[in-house]
């Protein structure tokens, strides 16, 4: 059976939605909430605490205090979600199984919506690819910078669910230890592939061709997955061959 405080938590979310409250707007005072929901003070406080833990409200004490609707930053939401996956055994295929299906739609969603400034943003992310890396440090930096091109598309995507999901996947690629180990391995093909497909995508976006954009992005993701999985195998083989792995940790 659902706890009373959980019922009140859900009711408060509905109240925020129905009254179209925005970040910074104050919720009704505790006394009013106890009357409105026919609930004890302890139940109301527990429900408010749950909303605060979820990042949906903030509470302030003192004069002018109370509970206020919070603006949930995407980075906070992604950080909480990343914690769930922290101890999961995530593979490159897990990530690209989604990327290969979602990013073509992400790219197609911005076709016909891009301004000159948007195109300049995309072009700027590619400047680091003007020349091949001269050392491993540059190659690692280029791999992370290549993801910036995709992050611009995420920012411009009109679908908030698609945008959030793709942004989260990019965050995994930027933050997972496995991915950093992969980027530390020499792999000129990753630079060549990133530059090749991004230049093609930029041209297709300027021509406003949705089918072409979808095709190029899908090919890009399929090729990137193959290269990343090849590097993943090397990383895992190196780990298994290390003294630490042989000793069981």
Foldseek 3Di string as FASTA:
>chain_A
DDDPLVVLLVVVVVVCVVVVADFFDADDALVVSCVVSVHDSVSPVSSLVVCVVVVQWDFDDDPPTHIGGHDDDLVNVLVVVVVVCVPPPDDLCNLLVCQLPLLLVLLLQCQPPDDPVLLVQLVVLCPLLPDQDPDLVSQLVNVLSLCSSVLSSLVRHPDVVSSSVVVSSNVCCVDPPLNSQLSSDDDSVVSVLSNVLSVQLSVCSVVSDSVSSSVSSSVSSVVVSVSSVVSSVVVVVVVCPDPCNVVVD
